[in-house]
Amino acid sequence: MKALDARSFATVLIAACALSAGAQGTNDARNKGKLTGQYSGGGIRGALPVVADGWLISPAEALEYKGEDGFNEAPALRPRAVVPLIDILKPEPTNDLKVKAPFAIAVQFKGQADAPINPATFKVMYGAFKIDITNRLTQFVKVTPEGFMLENAKIPVGKHRLTLQVQDEKQRVAERELRIEVE
C-alpha cells in the first residue's frame, strides 16, 4: 500500500468528513426528526425530546431503539487511568437485577482529588443505539457534583441498558452502565 503525502491525506480526510456528515443527514431524515441535537461521536446519536407523561423511555421507543439488544451486549472495557467514578446506589445490585416500575435510581459521583465533578457534563444514553435521554431525567432531578436521586423512574417491562457519563473539571470521563430487567 502506498503512503499518502500530506495533500492526499487532507483530501481523504475531507472526503471522509463529508461522507460522515451526509450519513448523519440521512439518519436524521430516516428517523423523521425524532432525534434532536447533533451527532457528537462516541456513540451518542442524538437527544430524544421530553415526553409529557414522565417516561424515561416509552414502550414504543424501547422497541424502536433496541433496548433489549443494548442489555444483551457485552459490557464496555473499563479504563485504567485516573478518572472520576460513578457508583450506582439504587437499584441495589443483585445477580438478576429485576425491578418493578416505577423504581428509584440513586447515583453517586466521586471525583479525584485534583478535579471536582462537573455536573453540567452529565449524560444518560439508552439502549444499543445510545440515544441521549438526559433531558428526560434532568426534568425531575437536579444533578449535583455528588450525584442525583430519582424516586420514580418509569421504564417499560423488558430488559434495558442505561449508560451514565460524567466528566470532571479536567475533562476526564467516567462511564457506568446500569442494566436492568423491569417486571
C-alpha atoms as a PDB file:
ATOM      1  CA  MET A   1       0.000   0.000   0.000  1.00  0.00           C
ATOM      2  CA  LYS A   2       1.333   3.417  -0.964  1.00  0.00           C
ATOM      3  CA  ALA A   3       1.842   6.012   1.781  1.00  0.00           C
ATOM      4  CA  LEU A   4      -0.172   9.210   1.406  1.00  0.00           C
ATOM      5  CA  ASP A   5       1.529  12.599   1.202  1.00  0.00           C
ATOM      6  CA  ALA A   6       0.091  15.449   3.297  1.00  0.00           C
ATOM      7  CA  ARG A   7      -2.113  16.841   0.493  1.00  0.00           C
ATOM      8  CA  SER A   8      -3.571  13.412  -0.363  1.00  0.00           C
ATOM      9  CA  PHE A   9      -4.190  12.682   3.320  1.00  0.00           C
ATOM     10  CA  ALA A  10      -6.027  16.004   3.725  1.00  0.00           C
ATOM     11  CA  THR A  11      -8.178  15.226   0.666  1.00  0.00           C
ATOM     12  CA  VAL A  12      -9.096  11.785   2.028  1.00  0.00           C
ATOM     13  CA  LEU A  13      -9.874  13.276   5.451  1.00  0.00           C
ATOM     14  CA  ILE A  14     -12.153  15.962   3.967  1.00  0.00           C
ATOM     15  CA  ALA A  15     -13.970  13.349   1.862  1.00  0.00           C
ATOM     16  CA  ALA A  16     -14.475  11.121   4.915  1.00  0.00           C
ATOM     17  CA  CYS A  17     -15.896  14.045   6.905  1.00  0.00           C
ATOM     18  CA  ALA A  18     -18.277  14.910   4.066  1.00  0.00           C
ATOM     19  CA  LEU A  19     -19.467  11.297   3.853  1.00  0.00           C
ATOM     20  CA  SER A  20     -19.976  11.200   7.609  1.00  0.00           C
ATOM     21  CA  ALA A  21     -21.989  14.428   7.554  1.00  0.00           C
ATOM     22  CA  GLY A  22     -24.104  13.108   4.682  1.00  0.00           C
ATOM     23  CA  ALA A  23     -24.737   9.849   6.513  1.00  0.00           C
ATOM     24  CA  GLN A  24     -25.906  11.759   9.572  1.00  0.00           C
ATOM     25  CA  GLY A  25     -28.339  13.768   7.485  1.00  0.00           C
ATOM     26  CA  THR A  26     -29.721  10.526   6.059  1.00  0.00           C
ATOM     27  CA  ASN A  27     -30.063   9.099   9.555  1.00  0.00           C
ATOM     28  CA  ASP A  28     -31.924  12.193  10.773  1.00  0.00           C
ATOM     29  CA  ALA A  29     -34.274  12.057   7.787  1.00  0.00           C
ATOM     30  CA  ARG A  30     -34.883   8.348   8.274  1.00  0.00           C
ATOM     31  CA  ASN A  31     -35.837   8.951  11.902  1.00  0.00           C
ATOM     32  CA  LYS A  32     -38.305  11.649  10.780  1.00  0.00           C
ATOM     33  CA  GLY A  33     -36.880  14.284  13.111  1.00  0.00           C
ATOM     34  CA  LYS A  34     -37.308  12.227  16.272  1.00  0.00           C
ATOM     35  CA  LEU A  35     -33.748  12.917  17.317  1.00  0.00           C
ATOM     36  CA  THR A  36     -32.680  16.393  18.290  1.00  0.00           C
ATOM     37  CA  GLY A  37     -29.139  17.609  18.673  1.00  0.00           C
ATOM     38  CA  GLN A  38     -26.223  16.632  16.505  1.00  0.00           C
ATOM     39  CA  TYR A  39     -24.081  13.562  16.299  1.00  0.00           C
ATOM     40  CA  SER A  40     -21.193  14.141  18.672  1.00  0.00           C
ATOM     41  CA  GLY A  41     -19.188  10.946  18.251  1.00  0.00           C
ATOM     42  CA  GLY A  42     -18.520   8.382  20.950  1.00  0.00           C
ATOM     43  CA  GLY A  43     -21.686   6.509  20.104  1.00  0.00           C
ATOM     44  CA  ILE A  44     -24.071   9.256  21.225  1.00  0.00           C
ATOM     45  CA  ARG A  45     -26.614   9.572  18.417  1.00  0.00           C
ATOM     46  CA  GLY A  46     -28.842  12.442  19.499  1.00  0.00           C
ATOM     47  CA  ALA A  47     -31.295  13.544  22.145  1.00  0.00           C
ATOM     48  CA  LEU A  48     -34.912  12.472  22.414  1.00  0.00           C
ATOM     49  CA  PRO A  49     -37.465  15.150  23.223  1.00  0.00           C
ATOM     50  CA  VAL A  50     -39.065  15.250  26.661  1.00  0.00           C
ATOM     51  CA  VAL A  51     -42.220  13.142  26.924  1.00  0.00           C
ATOM     52  CA  ALA A  52     -45.122  14.728  28.788  1.00  0.00           C
ATOM     53  CA  ASP A  53     -46.180  11.633  30.742  1.00  0.00           C
ATOM     54  CA  GLY A  54     -42.825  11.312  32.532  1.00  0.00           C
ATOM     55  CA  TRP A  55     -41.438   8.163  30.879  1.00  0.00           C
ATOM     56  CA  LEU A  56     -37.649   7.959  30.651  1.00  0.00           C
ATOM     57  CA  ILE A  57     -38.207   5.574  27.739  1.00  0.00           C
ATOM     58  CA  SER A  58     -41.638   4.829  26.279  1.00  0.00           C
ATOM     59  CA  PRO A  59     -42.568   1.234  25.415  1.00  0.00           C
ATOM     60  CA  ALA A  60     -42.506   2.074  21.675  1.00  0.00           C
ATOM     61  CA  GLU A  61     -39.040   3.642  21.973  1.00  0.00           C
ATOM     62  CA  ALA A  62     -37.754   0.598  23.866  1.00  0.00           C
ATOM     63  CA  LEU A  63     -38.632  -1.468  20.791  1.00  0.00           C
ATOM     64  CA  GLU A  64     -37.521   1.096  18.203  1.00  0.00           C
ATOM     65  CA  TYR A  65     -34.136   1.822  19.797  1.00  0.00           C
ATOM     66  CA  LYS A  66     -33.443  -1.842  20.638  1.00  0.00           C
ATOM     67  CA  GLY A  67     -33.331  -1.644  24.435  1.00  0.00           C
ATOM     68  CA  GLU A  68     -33.029  -5.402  24.855  1.00  0.00           C
ATOM     69  CA  ASP A  69     -30.161  -5.560  22.323  1.00  0.00           C
ATOM     70  CA  GLY A  70     -28.319  -2.993  24.450  1.00  0.00           C
ATOM     71  CA  PHE A  71     -28.981  -5.060  27.560  1.00  0.00           C
ATOM     72  CA  ASN A  72     -27.517  -8.166  25.899  1.00  0.00           C
ATOM     73  CA  GLU A  73     -24.325  -6.512  24.531  1.00  0.00           C
ATOM     74  CA  ALA A  74     -21.037  -7.278  26.257  1.00  0.00           C
ATOM     75  CA  PRO A  75     -20.020  -4.598  28.800  1.00  0.00           C
ATOM     76  CA  ALA A  76     -17.533  -1.978  27.682  1.00  0.00           C
ATOM     77  CA  LEU A  77     -13.969  -2.294  28.907  1.00  0.00           C
ATOM     78  CA  ARG A  78     -13.242  -0.037  31.849  1.00  0.00           C
ATOM     79  CA  PRO A  79     -10.348   2.410  31.542  1.00  0.00           C
ATOM     80  CA  ARG A  80      -7.398   2.009  33.876  1.00  0.00           C
ATOM     81  CA  ALA A  81      -6.467   5.673  34.140  1.00  0.00           C
ATOM     82  CA  VAL A  82      -7.167   8.135  36.921  1.00  0.00           C
ATOM     83  CA  VAL A  83     -10.776   9.080  36.226  1.00  0.00           C
ATOM     84  CA  PRO A  84     -13.807  10.048  38.266  1.00  0.00           C
ATOM     85  CA  LEU A  85     -16.129   7.259  39.388  1.00  0.00           C
ATOM     86  CA  ILE A  86     -19.883   6.662  39.176  1.00  0.00           C
ATOM     87  CA  ASP A  87     -21.432   4.462  41.875  1.00  0.00           C
ATOM     88  CA  ILE A  88     -24.982   3.183  41.433  1.00  0.00           C
ATOM     89  CA  LEU A  89     -26.589   3.036  44.881  1.00  0.00           C
ATOM     90  CA  LYS A  90     -30.140   2.186  43.712  1.00  0.00           C
ATOM     91  CA  PRO A  91     -31.439  -0.077  42.387  1.00  0.00           C
ATOM     92  CA  GLU A  92     -29.384  -2.218  44.716  1.00  0.00           C
ATOM     93  CA  PRO A  93     -27.129  -4.634  42.831  1.00  0.00           C
ATOM     94  CA  THR A  94     -28.380  -8.224  42.571  1.00  0.00           C
ATOM     95  CA  ASN A  95     -27.478 -11.098  40.266  1.00  0.00           C
ATOM     96  CA  ASP A  96     -30.529 -10.729  38.025  1.00  0.00           C
ATOM     97  CA  LEU A  97     -31.260  -7.008  38.748  1.00  0.00           C
ATOM     98  CA  LYS A  98     -35.004  -7.379  38.251  1.00  0.00           C
ATOM     99  CA  VAL A  99     -37.092  -4.411  39.379  1.00  0.00           C
ATOM    100  CA  LYS A 100     -40.718  -3.340  39.300  1.00  0.00           C
ATOM    101  CA  ALA A 101     -41.512   0.049  37.759  1.00  0.00           C
ATOM    102  CA  PRO A 102     -41.536   2.713  38.920  1.00  0.00           C
ATOM    103  CA  PHE A 103     -38.289   2.294  40.848  1.00  0.00           C
ATOM    104  CA  ALA A 104     -35.639   4.522  42.416  1.00  0.00           C
ATOM    105  CA  ILE A 105     -32.317   5.360  40.789  1.00  0.00           C
ATOM    106  CA  ALA A 106     -29.632   6.827  43.062  1.00  0.00           C
ATOM    107  CA  VAL A 107     -26.191   7.656  41.696  1.00  0.00           C
ATOM    108  CA  GLN A 108     -23.122   8.970  43.495  1.00  0.00           C
ATOM    109  CA  PHE A 109     -20.219  10.667  41.693  1.00  0.00           C
ATOM    110  CA  LYS A 110     -16.696  10.538  43.096  1.00  0.00           C
ATOM    111  CA  GLY A 111     -14.144  12.945  41.670  1.00  0.00           C
ATOM    112  CA  GLN A 112     -10.401  12.625  42.012  1.00  0.00           C
ATOM    113  CA  ALA A 113      -8.517  14.867  44.458  1.00  0.00           C
ATOM    114  CA  ASP A 114      -7.190  17.107  41.668  1.00  0.00           C
ATOM    115  CA  ALA A 115     -10.517  17.850  39.906  1.00  0.00           C
ATOM    116  CA  PRO A 116     -14.148  18.006  41.058  1.00  0.00           C
ATOM    117  CA  ILE A 117     -17.065  16.601  39.048  1.00  0.00           C
ATOM    118  CA  ASN A 118     -18.701  18.960  36.532  1.00  0.00           C
ATOM    119  CA  PRO A 119     -22.444  18.126  36.751  1.00  0.00           C
ATOM    120  CA  ALA A 120     -23.177  20.056  33.523  1.00  0.00           C
ATOM    121  CA  THR A 121     -21.419  17.265  31.592  1.00  0.00           C
ATOM    122  CA  PHE A 122     -23.756  14.537  32.878  1.00  0.00           C
ATOM    123  CA  LYS A 123     -25.409  12.370  30.194  1.00  0.00           C
ATOM    124  CA  VAL A 124     -27.712   9.334  30.173  1.00  0.00           C
ATOM    125  CA  MET A 125     -27.834   7.248  26.997  1.00  0.00           C
ATOM    126  CA  TYR A 126     -30.329   4.479  26.306  1.00  0.00           C
ATOM    127  CA  GLY A 127     -30.002   1.101  24.616  1.00  0.00           C
ATOM    128  CA  ALA A 128     -27.762  -0.246  21.883  1.00  0.00           C
ATOM    129  CA  PHE A 129     -28.004   2.992  19.889  1.00  0.00           C
ATOM    130  CA  LYS A 130     -27.015   5.130  22.904  1.00  0.00           C
ATOM    131  CA  ILE A 131     -29.859   7.600  22.451  1.00  0.00           C
ATOM    132  CA  ASP A 132     -29.475  10.641  24.711  1.00  0.00           C
ATOM    133  CA  ILE A 133     -32.290  10.756  27.306  1.00  0.00           C
ATOM    134  CA  THR A 134     -30.555  13.169  29.697  1.00  0.00           C
ATOM    135  CA  ASN A 135     -33.269  15.845  29.430  1.00  0.00           C
ATOM    136  CA  ARG A 136     -35.932  13.317  30.415  1.00  0.00           C
ATOM    137  CA  LEU A 137     -34.132  12.585  33.676  1.00  0.00           C
ATOM    138  CA  THR A 138     -32.997  16.122  34.486  1.00  0.00           C
ATOM    139  CA  GLN A 139     -36.560  17.455  34.310  1.00  0.00           C
ATOM    140  CA  PHE A 140     -37.200  15.518  37.553  1.00  0.00           C
ATOM    141  CA  VAL A 141     -33.867  15.783  39.395  1.00  0.00           C
ATOM    142  CA  LYS A 142     -31.051  18.210  39.952  1.00  0.00           C
ATOM    143  CA  VAL A 143     -27.682  16.684  39.118  1.00  0.00           C
ATOM    144  CA  THR A 144     -25.004  17.882  41.552  1.00  0.00           C
ATOM    145  CA  PRO A 145     -21.259  17.162  41.827  1.00  0.00           C
ATOM    146  CA  GLU A 146     -22.251  14.486  44.370  1.00  0.00           C
ATOM    147  CA  GLY A 147     -24.825  12.728  42.125  1.00  0.00           C
ATOM    148  CA  PHE A 148     -28.616  12.550  41.991  1.00  0.00           C
ATOM    149  CA  MET A 149     -31.673  10.630  43.251  1.00  0.00           C
ATOM    150  CA  LEU A 150     -34.743   9.851  41.104  1.00  0.00           C
ATOM    151  CA  GLU A 151     -37.563   8.349  43.176  1.00  0.00           C
ATOM    152  CA  ASN A 152     -39.900   7.072  40.436  1.00  0.00           C
ATOM    153  CA  ALA A 153     -38.135   6.041  37.223  1.00  0.00           C
ATOM    154  CA  LYS A 154     -40.708   4.887  34.679  1.00  0.00           C
ATOM    155  CA  ILE A 155     -39.295   2.347  32.230  1.00  0.00           C
ATOM    156  CA  PRO A 156     -41.470  -0.256  30.454  1.00  0.00           C
ATOM    157  CA  VAL A 157     -41.369  -4.006  31.063  1.00  0.00           C
ATOM    158  CA  GLY A 158     -38.339  -5.629  29.439  1.00  0.00           C
ATOM    159  CA  LYS A 159     -34.545  -5.536  29.502  1.00  0.00           C
ATOM    160  CA  HIS A 160     -32.809  -2.174  29.314  1.00  0.00           C
ATOM    161  CA  ARG A 161     -29.341  -0.618  29.424  1.00  0.00           C
ATOM    162  CA  LEU A 162     -28.704   2.935  30.595  1.00  0.00           C
ATOM    163  CA  THR A 163     -25.203   4.328  30.120  1.00  0.00           C
ATOM    164  CA  LEU A 164     -24.311   7.121  32.552  1.00  0.00           C
ATOM    165  CA  GLN A 165     -21.460   9.544  31.815  1.00  0.00           C
ATOM    166  CA  VAL A 166     -19.955  12.485  33.652  1.00  0.00           C
ATOM    167  CA  GLN A 167     -16.695  14.436  33.393  1.00  0.00           C
ATOM    168  CA  ASP A 168     -14.513  16.142  35.939  1.00  0.00           C
ATOM    169  CA  GLU A 169     -13.040  19.637  35.578  1.00  0.00           C
ATOM    170  CA  LYS A 170     -10.071  18.152  33.669  1.00  0.00           C
ATOM    171  CA  GLN A 171     -12.459  16.616  31.078  1.00  0.00           C
ATOM    172  CA  ARG A 172     -11.757  13.060  32.233  1.00  0.00           C
ATOM    173  CA  VAL A 173     -14.808  10.921  31.526  1.00  0.00           C
ATOM    174  CA  ALA A 174     -16.398   8.394  33.849  1.00  0.00           C
ATOM    175  CA  GLU A 175     -18.877   5.936  32.356  1.00  0.00           C
ATOM    176  CA  ARG A 176     -21.048   3.338  34.046  1.00  0.00           C
ATOM    177  CA  GLU A 177     -23.753   1.039  32.747  1.00  0.00           C
ATOM    178  CA  LEU A 178     -26.983   0.201  34.518  1.00  0.00           C
ATOM    179  CA  ARG A 179     -28.550  -2.969  33.100  1.00  0.00           C
ATOM    180  CA  ILE A 180     -31.973  -3.748  34.457  1.00  0.00           C
ATOM    181  CA  GLU A 181     -34.883  -6.058  33.746  1.00  0.00           C
ATOM    182  CA  VAL A 182     -38.230  -4.477  34.522  1.00  0.00           C
ATOM    183  CA  GLU A 183     -41.024  -6.897  35.504  1.00  0.00           C
END
